[in-house]
């Protein structure tokens, strides 16, 4: 049962990040309109002219690695800081209702990491 949950969780996580990473490049789905501090943060990051290209590219790469189950561990490592920033952005700069999807993504990510826990314990092992 856990293997089925892990498999479909990985598929959902991979598809989500591939879709929104490609949306950053091709803008085929409408994005939400930001207000207040969120608008200032997004505008300042857009003014760098590279940040969102890098972010969207990393989302696509990480989503593909998870979806194809090839270099999945690398994709999970890449997604860690991206997910943390998405969650913090939604918690502190957006209405609380918008935090539901990022928290669900974090749960799916944790399930994937739990499946690969042997590898991730090696990352934090001191020699």
C-alpha atoms as a PDB file:
ATOM      1  CA  UNK A   1       0.000   0.000   0.000  1.00  0.00           C
ATOM      2  CA  UNK A   2       2.787   2.412   0.889  1.00  0.00           C
ATOM      3  CA  UNK A   3       4.505   1.687  -2.410  1.00  0.00           C
ATOM      4  CA  UNK A   4       1.340   2.717  -4.327  1.00  0.00           C
ATOM      5  CA  UNK A   5       1.016   5.930  -2.309  1.00  0.00           C
ATOM      6  CA  UNK A   6       4.682   6.700  -2.887  1.00  0.00           C
ATOM      7  CA  UNK A   7       4.411   6.017  -6.612  1.00  0.00           C
ATOM      8  CA  UNK A   8       1.346   8.200  -7.186  1.00  0.00           C
ATOM      9  CA  UNK A   9       2.709  10.876  -4.867  1.00  0.00           C
ATOM     10  CA  UNK A  10       5.854  11.017  -6.996  1.00  0.00           C
ATOM     11  CA  UNK A  11       3.787  11.228 -10.180  1.00  0.00           C
ATOM     12  CA  UNK A  12       1.683  14.085  -8.798  1.00  0.00           C
ATOM     13  CA  UNK A  13       4.744  15.923  -7.469  1.00  0.00           C
ATOM     14  CA  UNK A  14       6.630  15.516 -10.753  1.00  0.00           C
ATOM     15  CA  UNK A  15       3.716  16.603 -12.934  1.00  0.00           C
ATOM     16  CA  UNK A  16       3.010  19.610 -10.724  1.00  0.00           C
ATOM     17  CA  UNK A  17       6.552  20.958 -10.938  1.00  0.00           C
ATOM     18  CA  UNK A  18       6.907  20.193 -14.643  1.00  0.00           C
ATOM     19  CA  UNK A  19       3.626  21.987 -15.373  1.00  0.00           C
ATOM     20  CA  UNK A  20       4.384  25.103 -13.355  1.00  0.00           C
ATOM     21  CA  UNK A  21       8.033  25.178 -14.431  1.00  0.00           C
ATOM     22  CA  UNK A  22       6.980  25.134 -18.091  1.00  0.00           C
ATOM     23  CA  UNK A  23       4.269  27.675 -17.316  1.00  0.00           C
ATOM     24  CA  UNK A  24       7.016  30.047 -16.181  1.00  0.00           C
ATOM     25  CA  UNK A  25       8.602  29.822 -19.620  1.00  0.00           C
ATOM     26  CA  UNK A  26       5.527  29.711 -21.873  1.00  0.00           C
ATOM     27  CA  UNK A  27       2.849  31.366 -19.692  1.00  0.00           C
ATOM     28  CA  UNK A  28      -0.017  29.102 -20.824  1.00  0.00           C
ATOM     29  CA  UNK A  29      -1.910  29.182 -17.498  1.00  0.00           C
ATOM     30  CA  UNK A  30      -2.952  32.466 -15.914  1.00  0.00           C
ATOM     31  CA  UNK A  31      -1.066  33.385 -12.781  1.00  0.00           C
ATOM     32  CA  UNK A  32      -2.513  34.996  -9.704  1.00  0.00           C
ATOM     33  CA  UNK A  33      -2.263  38.715  -9.211  1.00  0.00           C
ATOM     34  CA  UNK A  34      -0.138  39.707  -6.262  1.00  0.00           C
ATOM     35  CA  UNK A  35      -0.742  42.673  -3.994  1.00  0.00           C
ATOM     36  CA  UNK A  36       1.209  44.470  -1.303  1.00  0.00           C
ATOM     37  CA  UNK A  37       4.481  42.989  -0.159  1.00  0.00           C
ATOM     38  CA  UNK A  38       4.074  39.919  -2.356  1.00  0.00           C
ATOM     39  CA  UNK A  39       3.927  42.167  -5.423  1.00  0.00           C
ATOM     40  CA  UNK A  40       7.081  44.001  -4.322  1.00  0.00           C
ATOM     41  CA  UNK A  41       8.976  40.727  -3.826  1.00  0.00           C
ATOM     42  CA  UNK A  42       7.895  39.306  -7.191  1.00  0.00           C
ATOM     43  CA  UNK A  43       8.655  42.564  -9.029  1.00  0.00           C
ATOM     44  CA  UNK A  44      12.114  42.820  -7.490  1.00  0.00           C
ATOM     45  CA  UNK A  45      12.894  39.208  -8.453  1.00  0.00           C
ATOM     46  CA  UNK A  46      11.614  39.810 -11.991  1.00  0.00           C
ATOM     47  CA  UNK A  47      13.898  42.830 -12.289  1.00  0.00           C
ATOM     48  CA  UNK A  48      16.951  40.560 -11.969  1.00  0.00           C
ATOM     49  CA  UNK A  49      16.041  39.018 -15.377  1.00  0.00           C
ATOM     50  CA  UNK A  50      17.499  35.621 -14.458  1.00  0.00           C
ATOM     51  CA  UNK A  51      15.904  34.404 -11.239  1.00  0.00           C
ATOM     52  CA  UNK A  52      12.623  33.057 -12.584  1.00  0.00           C
ATOM     53  CA  UNK A  53      14.343  31.434 -15.571  1.00  0.00           C
ATOM     54  CA  UNK A  54      16.664  29.585 -13.199  1.00  0.00           C
ATOM     55  CA  UNK A  55      13.823  28.691 -10.839  1.00  0.00           C
ATOM     56  CA  UNK A  56      11.536  27.399 -13.579  1.00  0.00           C
ATOM     57  CA  UNK A  57      14.351  25.427 -15.171  1.00  0.00           C
ATOM     58  CA  UNK A  58      15.196  23.772 -11.864  1.00  0.00           C
ATOM     59  CA  UNK A  59      11.506  22.966 -11.293  1.00  0.00           C
ATOM     60  CA  UNK A  60      11.280  21.258 -14.689  1.00  0.00           C
ATOM     61  CA  UNK A  61      14.503  19.306 -14.141  1.00  0.00           C
ATOM     62  CA  UNK A  62      13.498  18.206 -10.635  1.00  0.00           C
ATOM     63  CA  UNK A  63       9.979  17.293 -11.781  1.00  0.00           C
ATOM     64  CA  UNK A  64      11.362  15.205 -14.655  1.00  0.00           C
ATOM     65  CA  UNK A  65      13.799  13.357 -12.407  1.00  0.00           C
ATOM     66  CA  UNK A  66      11.011  12.477  -9.981  1.00  0.00           C
ATOM     67  CA  UNK A  67       8.472  11.614 -12.659  1.00  0.00           C
ATOM     68  CA  UNK A  68      10.879   9.434 -14.640  1.00  0.00           C
ATOM     69  CA  UNK A  69      12.324   7.952 -11.433  1.00  0.00           C
ATOM     70  CA  UNK A  70      15.806   8.565 -12.816  1.00  0.00           C
ATOM     71  CA  UNK A  71      18.097  10.542 -10.488  1.00  0.00           C
ATOM     72  CA  UNK A  72      15.067  10.934  -8.219  1.00  0.00           C
ATOM     73  CA  UNK A  73      17.229  11.698  -5.188  1.00  0.00           C
ATOM     74  CA  UNK A  74      18.849  14.621  -6.969  1.00  0.00           C
ATOM     75  CA  UNK A  75      15.420  15.964  -7.885  1.00  0.00           C
ATOM     76  CA  UNK A  76      14.301  15.739  -4.268  1.00  0.00           C
ATOM     77  CA  UNK A  77      17.405  17.617  -3.134  1.00  0.00           C
ATOM     78  CA  UNK A  78      16.779  20.321  -5.757  1.00  0.00           C
ATOM     79  CA  UNK A  79      13.145  20.679  -4.680  1.00  0.00           C
ATOM     80  CA  UNK A  80      13.924  21.130  -0.966  1.00  0.00           C
ATOM     81  CA  UNK A  81      14.881  24.848  -1.045  1.00  0.00           C
ATOM     82  CA  UNK A  82      12.296  25.572  -3.732  1.00  0.00           C
ATOM     83  CA  UNK A  83       9.513  24.099  -1.602  1.00  0.00           C
ATOM     84  CA  UNK A  84      10.695  25.910   1.519  1.00  0.00           C
ATOM     85  CA  UNK A  85      10.610  29.237  -0.322  1.00  0.00           C
ATOM     86  CA  UNK A  86       7.180  28.535  -1.817  1.00  0.00           C
ATOM     87  CA  UNK A  87       5.756  27.663   1.588  1.00  0.00           C
ATOM     88  CA  UNK A  88       7.298  30.675   3.335  1.00  0.00           C
ATOM     89  CA  UNK A  89       6.147  33.006   0.547  1.00  0.00           C
ATOM     90  CA  UNK A  90       2.580  31.747   0.853  1.00  0.00           C
ATOM     91  CA  UNK A  91       2.577  31.747   4.661  1.00  0.00           C
ATOM     92  CA  UNK A  92       3.945  35.247   5.129  1.00  0.00           C
ATOM     93  CA  UNK A  93       2.992  37.203   2.009  1.00  0.00           C
ATOM     94  CA  UNK A  94      -0.248  35.658   0.738  1.00  0.00           C
ATOM     95  CA  UNK A  95      -3.656  34.945   2.272  1.00  0.00           C
ATOM     96  CA  UNK A  96      -3.634  31.836   4.466  1.00  0.00           C
ATOM     97  CA  UNK A  97      -6.016  29.985   2.126  1.00  0.00           C
ATOM     98  CA  UNK A  98      -3.340  29.865  -0.579  1.00  0.00           C
ATOM     99  CA  UNK A  99      -1.027  27.889   1.726  1.00  0.00           C
ATOM    100  CA  UNK A 100      -2.971  24.636   1.312  1.00  0.00           C
ATOM    101  CA  UNK A 101      -1.394  23.513  -1.980  1.00  0.00           C
ATOM    102  CA  UNK A 102       2.222  24.196  -0.915  1.00  0.00           C
ATOM    103  CA  UNK A 103       1.669  22.262   2.315  1.00  0.00           C
ATOM    104  CA  UNK A 104       0.225  19.335   0.307  1.00  0.00           C
ATOM    105  CA  UNK A 105       3.299  19.462  -1.937  1.00  0.00           C
ATOM    106  CA  UNK A 106       5.512  19.375   1.144  1.00  0.00           C
ATOM    107  CA  UNK A 107       3.672  16.271   2.385  1.00  0.00           C
ATOM    108  CA  UNK A 108       4.177  14.577  -1.004  1.00  0.00           C
ATOM    109  CA  UNK A 109       7.854  15.548  -0.910  1.00  0.00           C
ATOM    110  CA  UNK A 110       8.265  14.139   2.609  1.00  0.00           C
ATOM    111  CA  UNK A 111       6.689  10.850   1.470  1.00  0.00           C
ATOM    112  CA  UNK A 112       9.221  10.668  -1.364  1.00  0.00           C
ATOM    113  CA  UNK A 113      12.114  11.451   0.983  1.00  0.00           C
ATOM    114  CA  UNK A 114      10.864   8.826   3.439  1.00  0.00           C
ATOM    115  CA  UNK A 115      11.092   6.226   0.693  1.00  0.00           C
ATOM    116  CA  UNK A 116      14.709   7.242   0.094  1.00  0.00           C
ATOM    117  CA  UNK A 117      15.550   7.699   3.799  1.00  0.00           C
ATOM    118  CA  UNK A 118      18.627   5.458   3.613  1.00  0.00           C
ATOM    119  CA  UNK A 119      20.220   7.863   1.115  1.00  0.00           C
ATOM    120  CA  UNK A 120      19.238  11.011   2.980  1.00  0.00           C
ATOM    121  CA  UNK A 121      20.606   9.729   6.288  1.00  0.00           C
ATOM    122  CA  UNK A 122      23.978   9.400   4.530  1.00  0.00           C
ATOM    123  CA  UNK A 123      23.845  13.116   3.660  1.00  0.00           C
ATOM    124  CA  UNK A 124      23.779  14.032   7.346  1.00  0.00           C
ATOM    125  CA  UNK A 125      26.252  11.444   8.598  1.00  0.00           C
ATOM    126  CA  UNK A 126      29.475  12.844   9.998  1.00  0.00           C
ATOM    127  CA  UNK A 127      32.695  11.023   9.234  1.00  0.00           C
END
